Amino acid sequence: MVDSKRKLPGECTNINEVRNEIDNIDFDLIKLLSNRFGYVREVVKYKENTNDGIEASDRRAAVIASRRKWAEEAGVNPDVIENIYNTLIDYFITEEKKLIQK
């Protein structure tokens, strides 16, 4: 499914090439999210076993703020990135709570 020959957007000559590159990026994103989740599983070992410790609201706020800044710098809508990260963080917190209960 994923082609190892990468092209820049302006190098694509038809819709199939564009879609292939989008698929390549999505594949990379999913691998990176899987890698990130590995660290989330690891961080449970170091967090305080309380709701506040797991949810780490100060850390969450800092992550959201920095990702919004990175999005702005990259020319991406920061509101969209914030929504994505809030969804990810909510999911990861749920998974952390499951891991701690084991």
PDB file of N, CA and C in Angstrom:
ATOM      1  N   MET A   1       0.817  -1.202   0.000  1.00  0.00           N
ATOM      2  CA  MET A   1       0.000   0.000   0.000  1.00  0.00           C
ATOM      3  C   MET A   1       0.855   1.258   0.000  1.00  0.00           C
ATOM      4  N   VAL A   2       1.872   1.297   0.800  1.00  0.00           N
ATOM      5  CA  VAL A   2       2.665   2.511   0.921  1.00  0.00           C
ATOM      6  C   VAL A   2       3.902   2.401   0.047  1.00  0.00           C
ATOM      7  N   ASP A   3       4.105   3.412  -0.770  1.00  0.00           N
ATOM      8  CA  ASP A   3       5.206   3.444  -1.722  1.00  0.00           C
ATOM      9  C   ASP A   3       6.428   4.089  -1.083  1.00  0.00           C
ATOM     10  N   SER A   4       7.584   3.505  -1.296  1.00  0.00           N
ATOM     11  CA  SER A   4       8.809   4.049  -0.711  1.00  0.00           C
ATOM     12  C   SER A   4       9.376   5.220  -1.511  1.00  0.00           C
ATOM     13  N   LYS A   5       8.909   5.436  -2.721  1.00  0.00           N
ATOM     14  CA  LYS A   5       9.380   6.568  -3.527  1.00  0.00           C
ATOM     15  C   LYS A   5       8.534   7.784  -3.186  1.00  0.00           C
ATOM     16  N   ARG A   6       9.097   8.666  -2.399  1.00  0.00           N
ATOM     17  CA  ARG A   6       8.354   9.837  -1.939  1.00  0.00           C
ATOM     18  C   ARG A   6       8.506  10.993  -2.914  1.00  0.00           C
ATOM     19  N   LYS A   7       7.424  11.746  -3.073  1.00  0.00           N
ATOM     20  CA  LYS A   7       7.426  12.927  -3.927  1.00  0.00           C
ATOM     21  C   LYS A   7       6.957  14.125  -3.123  1.00  0.00           C
ATOM     22  N   LEU A   8       7.459  15.267  -3.455  1.00  0.00           N
ATOM     23  CA  LEU A   8       6.956  16.512  -2.897  1.00  0.00           C
ATOM     24  C   LEU A   8       5.634  16.839  -3.583  1.00  0.00           C
ATOM     25  N   PRO A   9       4.788  17.654  -2.957  1.00  0.00           N
ATOM     26  CA  PRO A   9       3.493  17.952  -3.572  1.00  0.00           C
ATOM     27  C   PRO A   9       3.596  18.428  -5.022  1.00  0.00           C
ATOM     28  N   GLY A  10       4.531  19.319  -5.291  1.00  0.00           N
ATOM     29  CA  GLY A  10       4.674  19.852  -6.643  1.00  0.00           C
ATOM     30  C   GLY A  10       5.238  18.877  -7.651  1.00  0.00           C
ATOM     31  N   GLU A  11       5.761  17.751  -7.185  1.00  0.00           N
ATOM     32  CA  GLU A  11       6.306  16.730  -8.076  1.00  0.00           C
ATOM     33  C   GLU A  11       5.252  15.742  -8.559  1.00  0.00           C
ATOM     34  N   CYS A  12       4.093  15.741  -7.925  1.00  0.00           N
ATOM     35  CA  CYS A  12       3.022  14.825  -8.331  1.00  0.00           C
ATOM     36  C   CYS A  12       2.444  15.291  -9.666  1.00  0.00           C
ATOM     37  N   THR A  13       2.131  14.314 -10.523  1.00  0.00           N
ATOM     38  CA  THR A  13       1.632  14.655 -11.858  1.00  0.00           C
ATOM     39  C   THR A  13       0.196  14.209 -12.087  1.00  0.00           C
ATOM     40  N   ASN A  14      -0.400  13.519 -11.094  1.00  0.00           N
ATOM     41  CA  ASN A  14      -1.800  13.111 -11.236  1.00  0.00           C
ATOM     42  C   ASN A  14      -2.405  12.845  -9.859  1.00  0.00           C
ATOM     43  N   ILE A  15      -3.702  12.666  -9.831  1.00  0.00           N
ATOM     44  CA  ILE A  15      -4.413  12.498  -8.563  1.00  0.00           C
ATOM     45  C   ILE A  15      -3.980  11.232  -7.819  1.00  0.00           C
ATOM     46  N   ASN A  16      -3.640  10.179  -8.548  1.00  0.00           N
ATOM     47  CA  ASN A  16      -3.204   8.950  -7.892  1.00  0.00           C
ATOM     48  C   ASN A  16      -1.888   9.140  -7.151  1.00  0.00           C
ATOM     49  N   GLU A  17      -0.979   9.901  -7.731  1.00  0.00           N
ATOM     50  CA  GLU A  17       0.285  10.181  -7.046  1.00  0.00           C
ATOM     51  C   GLU A  17       0.047  11.016  -5.791  1.00  0.00           C
ATOM     52  N   VAL A  18      -0.833  11.992  -5.888  1.00  0.00           N
ATOM     53  CA  VAL A  18      -1.158  12.819  -4.721  1.00  0.00           C
ATOM     54  C   VAL A  18      -1.758  11.938  -3.621  1.00  0.00           C
ATOM     55  N   ARG A  19      -2.720  11.106  -4.004  1.00  0.00           N
ATOM     56  CA  ARG A  19      -3.354  10.228  -3.013  1.00  0.00           C
ATOM     57  C   ARG A  19      -2.360   9.245  -2.416  1.00  0.00           C
ATOM     58  N   ASN A  20      -1.440   8.755  -3.219  1.00  0.00           N
ATOM     59  CA  ASN A  20      -0.417   7.843  -2.718  1.00  0.00           C
ATOM     60  C   ASN A  20       0.450   8.537  -1.668  1.00  0.00           C
ATOM     61  N   GLU A  21       0.814   9.779  -1.921  1.00  0.00           N
ATOM     62  CA  GLU A  21       1.632  10.520  -0.956  1.00  0.00           C
ATOM     63  C   GLU A  21       0.855  10.793   0.325  1.00  0.00           C
ATOM     64  N   ILE A  22      -0.432  11.084   0.195  1.00  0.00           N
ATOM     65  CA  ILE A  22      -1.269  11.255   1.390  1.00  0.00           C
ATOM     66  C   ILE A  22      -1.298   9.952   2.184  1.00  0.00           C
ATOM     67  N   ASP A  23      -1.449   8.823   1.492  1.00  0.00           N
ATOM     68  CA  ASP A  23      -1.426   7.518   2.164  1.00  0.00           C
ATOM     69  C   ASP A  23      -0.090   7.288   2.865  1.00  0.00           C
ATOM     70  N   ASN A  24       1.007   7.655   2.208  1.00  0.00           N
ATOM     71  CA  ASN A  24       2.331   7.513   2.820  1.00  0.00           C
ATOM     72  C   ASN A  24       2.424   8.305   4.122  1.00  0.00           C
ATOM     73  N   ILE A  25       1.955   9.530   4.087  1.00  0.00           N
ATOM     74  CA  ILE A  25       1.999  10.381   5.275  1.00  0.00           C
ATOM     75  C   ILE A  25       1.113   9.804   6.375  1.00  0.00           C
ATOM     76  N   ASP A  26      -0.087   9.368   6.014  1.00  0.00           N
ATOM     77  CA  ASP A  26      -0.985   8.788   7.010  1.00  0.00           C
ATOM     78  C   ASP A  26      -0.376   7.542   7.643  1.00  0.00           C
ATOM     79  N   PHE A  27       0.284   6.720   6.844  1.00  0.00           N
ATOM     80  CA  PHE A  27       0.951   5.527   7.365  1.00  0.00           C
ATOM     81  C   PHE A  27       2.029   5.935   8.377  1.00  0.00           C
ATOM     82  N   ASP A  28       2.817   6.952   8.023  1.00  0.00           N
ATOM     83  CA  ASP A  28       3.852   7.450   8.934  1.00  0.00           C
ATOM     84  C   ASP A  28       3.235   7.999  10.226  1.00  0.00           C
ATOM     85  N   LEU A  29       2.150   8.738  10.100  1.00  0.00           N
ATOM     86  CA  LEU A  29       1.484   9.295  11.275  1.00  0.00           C
ATOM     87  C   LEU A  29       1.009   8.190  12.219  1.00  0.00           C
ATOM     88  N   ILE A  30       0.444   7.141  11.661  1.00  0.00           N
ATOM     89  CA  ILE A  30      -0.047   6.045  12.488  1.00  0.00           C
ATOM     90  C   ILE A  30       1.109   5.338  13.194  1.00  0.00           C
ATOM     91  N   LYS A  31       2.208   5.139  12.491  1.00  0.00           N
ATOM     92  CA  LYS A  31       3.385   4.540  13.136  1.00  0.00           C
ATOM     93  C   LYS A  31       3.889   5.440  14.267  1.00  0.00           C
ATOM     94  N   LEU A  32       3.913   6.734  14.044  1.00  0.00           N
ATOM     95  CA  LEU A  32       4.364   7.669  15.068  1.00  0.00           C
ATOM     96  C   LEU A  32       3.418   7.688  16.263  1.00  0.00           C
ATOM     97  N   LEU A  33       2.119   7.623  16.013  1.00  0.00           N
ATOM     98  CA  LEU A  33       1.153   7.579  17.117  1.00  0.00           C
ATOM     99  C   LEU A  33       1.319   6.298  17.928  1.00  0.00           C
ATOM    100  N   SER A  34       1.600   5.206  17.253  1.00  0.00           N
ATOM    101  CA  SER A  34       1.852   3.952  17.953  1.00  0.00           C
ATOM    102  C   SER A  34       3.097   4.077  18.827  1.00  0.00           C
ATOM    103  N   ASN A  35       4.127   4.696  18.301  1.00  0.00           N
ATOM    104  CA  ASN A  35       5.351   4.932  19.056  1.00  0.00           C
ATOM    105  C   ASN A  35       5.072   5.826  20.266  1.00  0.00           C
ATOM    106  N   ARG A  36       4.285   6.865  20.055  1.00  0.00           N
ATOM    107  CA  ARG A  36       3.921   7.779  21.147  1.00  0.00           C
ATOM    108  C   ARG A  36       3.180   7.020  22.234  1.00  0.00           C
ATOM    109  N   PHE A  37       2.298   6.118  21.839  1.00  0.00           N
ATOM    110  CA  PHE A  37       1.527   5.356  22.815  1.00  0.00           C
ATOM    111  C   PHE A  37       2.446   4.463  23.655  1.00  0.00           C
ATOM    112  N   GLY A  38       3.531   3.985  23.079  1.00  0.00           N
ATOM    113  CA  GLY A  38       4.511   3.225  23.849  1.00  0.00           C
ATOM    114  C   GLY A  38       5.063   4.046  25.002  1.00  0.00           C
ATOM    115  N   TYR A  39       5.314   5.314  24.763  1.00  0.00           N
ATOM    116  CA  TYR A  39       5.801   6.195  25.821  1.00  0.00           C
ATOM    117  C   TYR A  39       4.710   6.484  26.848  1.00  0.00           C
ATOM    118  N   VAL A  40       3.482   6.575  26.382  1.00  0.00           N
ATOM    119  CA  VAL A  40       2.366   6.783  27.301  1.00  0.00           C
ATOM    120  C   VAL A  40       2.272   5.594  28.260  1.00  0.00           C
ATOM    121  N   ARG A  41       2.409   4.385  27.729  1.00  0.00           N
ATOM    122  CA  ARG A  41       2.381   3.213  28.592  1.00  0.00           C
ATOM    123  C   ARG A  41       3.535   3.244  29.600  1.00  0.00           C
ATOM    124  N   GLU A  42       4.673   3.735  29.163  1.00  0.00           N
ATOM    125  CA  GLU A  42       5.845   3.793  30.027  1.00  0.00           C
ATOM    126  C   GLU A  42       5.699   4.846  31.124  1.00  0.00           C
ATOM    127  N   VAL A  43       5.091   5.962  30.810  1.00  0.00           N
ATOM    128  CA  VAL A  43       4.988   7.061  31.780  1.00  0.00           C
ATOM    129  C   VAL A  43       4.145   6.672  32.985  1.00  0.00           C
ATOM    130  N   VAL A  44       3.269   5.690  32.840  1.00  0.00           N
ATOM    131  CA  VAL A  44       2.437   5.236  33.949  1.00  0.00           C
ATOM    132  C   VAL A  44       3.310   4.813  35.138  1.00  0.00           C
ATOM    133  N   LYS A  45       4.474   4.280  34.858  1.00  0.00           N
ATOM    134  CA  LYS A  45       5.383   3.835  35.920  1.00  0.00           C
ATOM    135  C   LYS A  45       5.844   4.991  36.804  1.00  0.00           C
ATOM    136  N   TYR A  46       5.811   6.195  36.266  1.00  0.00           N
ATOM    137  CA  TYR A  46       6.377   7.343  36.960  1.00  0.00           C
ATOM    138  C   TYR A  46       5.332   8.316  37.495  1.00  0.00           C
ATOM    139  N   LYS A  47       4.078   8.097  37.135  1.00  0.00           N
ATOM    140  CA  LYS A  47       3.024   9.000  37.568  1.00  0.00           C
ATOM    141  C   LYS A  47       2.486   8.588  38.935  1.00  0.00           C
ATOM    142  N   GLU A  48       2.045   9.589  39.666  1.00  0.00           N
ATOM    143  CA  GLU A  48       1.379   9.336  40.941  1.00  0.00           C
ATOM    144  C   GLU A  48       0.051   8.633  40.655  1.00  0.00           C
ATOM    145  N   ASN A  49      -0.254   7.615  41.431  1.00  0.00           N
ATOM    146  CA  ASN A  49      -1.446   6.802  41.191  1.00  0.00           C
ATOM    147  C   ASN A  49      -2.695   7.461  41.781  1.00  0.00           C
ATOM    148  N   THR A  50      -2.966   8.671  41.318  1.00  0.00           N
ATOM    149  CA  THR A  50      -4.184   9.393  41.685  1.00  0.00           C
ATOM    150  C   THR A  50      -4.790   9.936  40.403  1.00  0.00           C
ATOM    151  N   ASN A  51      -6.036  10.340  40.474  1.00  0.00           N
ATOM    152  CA  ASN A  51      -6.690  10.910  39.299  1.00  0.00           C
ATOM    153  C   ASN A  51      -5.937  12.147  38.814  1.00  0.00           C
ATOM    154  N   ASP A  52      -5.549  13.025  39.758  1.00  0.00           N
ATOM    155  CA  ASP A  52      -4.797  14.232  39.378  1.00  0.00           C
ATOM    156  C   ASP A  52      -3.441  13.873  38.794  1.00  0.00           C
ATOM    157  N   GLY A  53      -2.798  12.876  39.365  1.00  0.00           N
ATOM    158  CA  GLY A  53      -1.494  12.457  38.865  1.00  0.00           C
ATOM    159  C   GLY A  53      -1.573  11.892  37.464  1.00  0.00           C
ATOM    160  N   ILE A  54      -2.610  11.123  37.206  1.00  0.00           N
ATOM    161  CA  ILE A  54      -2.784  10.515  35.880  1.00  0.00           C
ATOM    162  C   ILE A  54      -3.170  11.576  34.853  1.00  0.00           C
ATOM    163  N   GLU A  55      -4.096  12.434  35.222  1.00  0.00           N
ATOM    164  CA  GLU A  55      -4.587  13.424  34.256  1.00  0.00           C
ATOM    165  C   GLU A  55      -3.579  14.550  34.024  1.00  0.00           C
ATOM    166  N   ALA A  56      -2.759  14.866  35.005  1.00  0.00           N
ATOM    167  CA  ALA A  56      -1.675  15.856  34.869  1.00  0.00           C
ATOM    168  C   ALA A  56      -2.122  17.090  34.087  1.00  0.00           C
ATOM    169  N   SER A  57      -3.080  17.819  34.657  1.00  0.00           N
ATOM    170  CA  SER A  57      -3.692  18.946  33.934  1.00  0.00           C
ATOM    171  C   SER A  57      -2.685  20.037  33.552  1.00  0.00           C
ATOM    172  N   ASP A  58      -1.673  20.257  34.395  1.00  0.00           N
ATOM    173  CA  ASP A  58      -0.653  21.262  34.041  1.00  0.00           C
ATOM    174  C   ASP A  58       0.120  20.822  32.794  1.00  0.00           C
ATOM    175  N   ARG A  59       0.491  19.544  32.760  1.00  0.00           N
ATOM    176  CA  ARG A  59       1.214  19.003  31.595  1.00  0.00           C
ATOM    177  C   ARG A  59       0.332  19.079  30.353  1.00  0.00           C
ATOM    178  N   ARG A  60      -0.949  18.720  30.509  1.00  0.00           N
ATOM    179  CA  ARG A  60      -1.866  18.765  29.375  1.00  0.00           C
ATOM    180  C   ARG A  60      -1.939  20.178  28.804  1.00  0.00           C
ATOM    181  N   ALA A  61      -2.089  21.162  29.670  1.00  0.00           N
ATOM    182  CA  ALA A  61      -2.178  22.556  29.211  1.00  0.00           C
ATOM    183  C   ALA A  61      -0.902  22.968  28.487  1.00  0.00           C
ATOM    184  N   ALA A  62       0.250  22.543  29.012  1.00  0.00           N
ATOM    185  CA  ALA A  62       1.518  22.882  28.365  1.00  0.00           C
ATOM    186  C   ALA A  62       1.650  22.207  27.008  1.00  0.00           C
ATOM    187  N   VAL A  63       1.220  20.956  26.917  1.00  0.00           N
ATOM    188  CA  VAL A  63       1.269  20.232  25.634  1.00  0.00           C
ATOM    189  C   VAL A  63       0.385  20.932  24.613  1.00  0.00           C
ATOM    190  N   ILE A  64      -0.835  21.239  25.003  1.00  0.00           N
ATOM    191  CA  ILE A  64      -1.770  21.893  24.073  1.00  0.00           C
ATOM    192  C   ILE A  64      -1.196  23.239  23.614  1.00  0.00           C
ATOM    193  N   ALA A  65      -0.681  24.017  24.542  1.00  0.00           N
ATOM    194  CA  ALA A  65      -0.132  25.335  24.178  1.00  0.00           C
ATOM    195  C   ALA A  65       1.039  25.194  23.207  1.00  0.00           C
ATOM    196  N   SER A  66       1.934  24.251  23.475  1.00  0.00           N
ATOM    197  CA  SER A  66       3.099  24.114  22.593  1.00  0.00           C
ATOM    198  C   SER A  66       2.693  23.584  21.218  1.00  0.00           C
ATOM    199  N   ARG A  67       1.734  22.663  21.184  1.00  0.00           N
ATOM    200  CA  ARG A  67       1.293  22.125  19.885  1.00  0.00           C
ATOM    201  C   ARG A  67       0.558  23.175  19.074  1.00  0.00           C
ATOM    202  N   ARG A  68      -0.196  24.043  19.740  1.00  0.00           N
ATOM    203  CA  ARG A  68      -0.838  25.165  19.041  1.00  0.00           C
ATOM    204  C   ARG A  68       0.223  26.074  18.420  1.00  0.00           C
ATOM    205  N   LYS A  69       1.283  26.356  19.199  1.00  0.00           N
ATOM    206  CA  LYS A  69       2.362  27.215  18.693  1.00  0.00           C
ATOM    207  C   LYS A  69       3.040  26.561  17.496  1.00  0.00           C
ATOM    208  N   TRP A  70       3.349  25.268  17.620  1.00  0.00           N
ATOM    209  CA  TRP A  70       3.987  24.550  16.518  1.00  0.00           C
ATOM    210  C   TRP A  70       3.103  24.575  15.280  1.00  0.00           C
ATOM    211  N   ALA A  71       1.798  24.419  15.478  1.00  0.00           N
ATOM    212  CA  ALA A  71       0.865  24.440  14.350  1.00  0.00           C
ATOM    213  C   ALA A  71       0.898  25.798  13.651  1.00  0.00           C
ATOM    214  N   GLU A  72       0.842  26.856  14.442  1.00  0.00           N
ATOM    215  CA  GLU A  72       0.899  28.209  13.865  1.00  0.00           C
ATOM    216  C   GLU A  72       2.179  28.394  13.058  1.00  0.00           C
ATOM    217  N   GLU A  73       3.300  27.948  13.622  1.00  0.00           N
ATOM    218  CA  GLU A  73       4.585  28.089  12.940  1.00  0.00           C
ATOM    219  C   GLU A  73       4.632  27.279  11.646  1.00  0.00           C
ATOM    220  N   ALA A  74       3.899  26.177  11.608  1.00  0.00           N
ATOM    221  CA  ALA A  74       3.877  25.312  10.419  1.00  0.00           C
ATOM    222  C   ALA A  74       2.780  25.716   9.434  1.00  0.00           C
ATOM    223  N   GLY A  75       1.985  26.727   9.780  1.00  0.00           N
ATOM    224  CA  GLY A  75       0.913  27.173   8.895  1.00  0.00           C
ATOM    225  C   GLY A  75      -0.311  26.272   8.911  1.00  0.00           C
ATOM    226  N   VAL A  76      -0.504  25.590  10.050  1.00  0.00           N
ATOM    227  CA  VAL A  76      -1.649  24.693  10.208  1.00  0.00           C
ATOM    228  C   VAL A  76      -2.603  25.333  11.215  1.00  0.00           C
ATOM    229  N   ASN A  77      -3.893  25.148  11.007  1.00  0.00           N
ATOM    230  CA  ASN A  77      -4.890  25.722  11.905  1.00  0.00           C
ATOM    231  C   ASN A  77      -4.691  25.177  13.326  1.00  0.00           C
ATOM    232  N   PRO A  78      -4.331  26.049  14.290  1.00  0.00           N
ATOM    233  CA  PRO A  78      -4.071  25.581  15.648  1.00  0.00           C
ATOM    234  C   PRO A  78      -5.305  25.009  16.344  1.00  0.00           C
ATOM    235  N   ASP A  79      -6.499  25.471  15.965  1.00  0.00           N
ATOM    236  CA  ASP A  79      -7.721  24.914  16.560  1.00  0.00           C
ATOM    237  C   ASP A  79      -7.899  23.447  16.180  1.00  0.00           C
ATOM    238  N   VAL A  80      -7.577  23.112  14.947  1.00  0.00           N
ATOM    239  CA  VAL A  80      -7.671  21.717  14.491  1.00  0.00           C
ATOM    240  C   VAL A  80      -6.669  20.859  15.253  1.00  0.00           C
ATOM    241  N   ILE A  81      -5.450  21.352  15.385  1.00  0.00           N
ATOM    242  CA  ILE A  81      -4.413  20.610  16.102  1.00  0.00           C
ATOM    243  C   ILE A  81      -4.799  20.446  17.570  1.00  0.00           C
ATOM    244  N   GLU A  82      -5.337  21.484  18.163  1.00  0.00           N
ATOM    245  CA  GLU A  82      -5.787  21.378  19.556  1.00  0.00           C
ATOM    246  C   GLU A  82      -6.863  20.309  19.697  1.00  0.00           C
ATOM    247  N   ASN A  83      -7.804  20.281  18.781  1.00  0.00           N
ATOM    248  CA  ASN A  83      -8.853  19.257  18.831  1.00  0.00           C
ATOM    249  C   ASN A  83      -8.266  17.854  18.711  1.00  0.00           C
ATOM    250  N   ILE A  84      -7.331  17.682  17.809  1.00  0.00           N
ATOM    251  CA  ILE A  84      -6.692  16.377  17.627  1.00  0.00           C
ATOM    252  C   ILE A  84      -5.976  15.971  18.905  1.00  0.00           C
ATOM    253  N   TYR A  85      -5.214  16.875  19.473  1.00  0.00           N
ATOM    254  CA  TYR A  85      -4.461  16.543  20.685  1.00  0.00           C
ATOM    255  C   TYR A  85      -5.363  16.316  21.887  1.00  0.00           C
ATOM    256  N   ASN A  86      -6.441  17.063  21.991  1.00  0.00           N
ATOM    257  CA  ASN A  86      -7.380  16.797  23.087  1.00  0.00           C
ATOM    258  C   ASN A  86      -7.963  15.394  22.963  1.00  0.00           C
ATOM    259  N   THR A  87      -8.292  14.989  21.746  1.00  0.00           N
ATOM    260  CA  THR A  87      -8.803  13.634  21.526  1.00  0.00           C
ATOM    261  C   THR A  87      -7.751  12.596  21.887  1.00  0.00           C
ATOM    262  N   LEU A  88      -6.523  12.793  21.424  1.00  0.00           N
ATOM    263  CA  LEU A  88      -5.433  11.865  21.744  1.00  0.00           C
ATOM    264  C   LEU A  88      -5.200  11.782  23.251  1.00  0.00           C
ATOM    265  N   ILE A  89      -5.103  12.925  23.891  1.00  0.00           N
ATOM    266  CA  ILE A  89      -4.824  12.942  25.325  1.00  0.00           C
ATOM    267  C   ILE A  89      -5.951  12.278  26.106  1.00  0.00           C
ATOM    268  N   ASP A  90      -7.192  12.553  25.736  1.00  0.00           N
ATOM    269  CA  ASP A  90      -8.318  11.892  26.403  1.00  0.00           C
ATOM    270  C   ASP A  90      -8.206  10.378  26.274  1.00  0.00           C
ATOM    271  N   TYR A  91      -7.892   9.913  25.077  1.00  0.00           N
ATOM    272  CA  TYR A  91      -7.741   8.480  24.849  1.00  0.00           C
ATOM    273  C   TYR A  91      -6.579   7.919  25.683  1.00  0.00           C
ATOM    274  N   PHE A  92      -5.441   8.593  25.662  1.00  0.00           N
ATOM    275  CA  PHE A  92      -4.277   8.102  26.386  1.00  0.00           C
ATOM    276  C   PHE A  92      -4.524   8.089  27.899  1.00  0.00           C
ATOM    277  N   ILE A  93      -5.218   9.080  28.424  1.00  0.00           N
ATOM    278  CA  ILE A  93      -5.545   9.090  29.854  1.00  0.00           C
ATOM    279  C   ILE A  93      -6.430   7.895  30.201  1.00  0.00           C
ATOM    280  N   THR A  94      -7.416   7.625  29.357  1.00  0.00           N
ATOM    281  CA  THR A  94      -8.275   6.452  29.575  1.00  0.00           C
ATOM    282  C   THR A  94      -7.448   5.179  29.596  1.00  0.00           C
ATOM    283  N   GLU A  95      -6.515   5.053  28.667  1.00  0.00           N
ATOM    284  CA  GLU A  95      -5.666   3.869  28.608  1.00  0.00           C
ATOM    285  C   GLU A  95      -4.731   3.790  29.817  1.00  0.00           C
ATOM    286  N   GLU A  96      -4.202   4.934  30.261  1.00  0.00           N
ATOM    287  CA  GLU A  96      -3.349   4.948  31.447  1.00  0.00           C
ATOM    288  C   GLU A  96      -4.116   4.459  32.669  1.00  0.00           C
ATOM    289  N   LYS A  97      -5.345   4.911  32.803  1.00  0.00           N
ATOM    290  CA  LYS A  97      -6.162   4.476  33.939  1.00  0.00           C
ATOM    291  C   LYS A  97      -6.384   2.971  33.898  1.00  0.00           C
ATOM    292  N   LYS A  98      -6.600   2.423  32.721  1.00  0.00           N
ATOM    293  CA  LYS A  98      -6.755   0.967  32.586  1.00  0.00           C
ATOM    294  C   LYS A  98      -5.473   0.247  32.995  1.00  0.00           C
ATOM    295  N   LEU A  99      -4.338   0.768  32.584  1.00  0.00           N
ATOM    296  CA  LEU A  99      -3.053   0.150  32.917  1.00  0.00           C
ATOM    297  C   LEU A  99      -2.790   0.182  34.426  1.00  0.00           C
ATOM    298  N   ILE A 100      -3.137   1.269  35.056  1.00  0.00           N
ATOM    299  CA  ILE A 100      -2.911   1.407  36.497  1.00  0.00           C
ATOM    300  C   ILE A 100      -3.823   0.457  37.278  1.00  0.00           C
ATOM    301  N   GLN A 101      -5.018   0.222  36.759  1.00  0.00           N
ATOM    302  CA  GLN A 101      -5.949  -0.685  37.449  1.00  0.00           C
ATOM    303  C   GLN A 101      -5.506  -2.130  37.392  1.00  0.00           C
ATOM    304  N   LYS A 102      -4.624  -2.471  36.460  1.00  0.00           N
ATOM    305  CA  LYS A 102      -4.168  -3.867  36.336  1.00  0.00           C
ATOM    306  C   LYS A 102      -3.235  -4.262  37.445  1.00  0.00           C
TER     307      LYS A 102
END
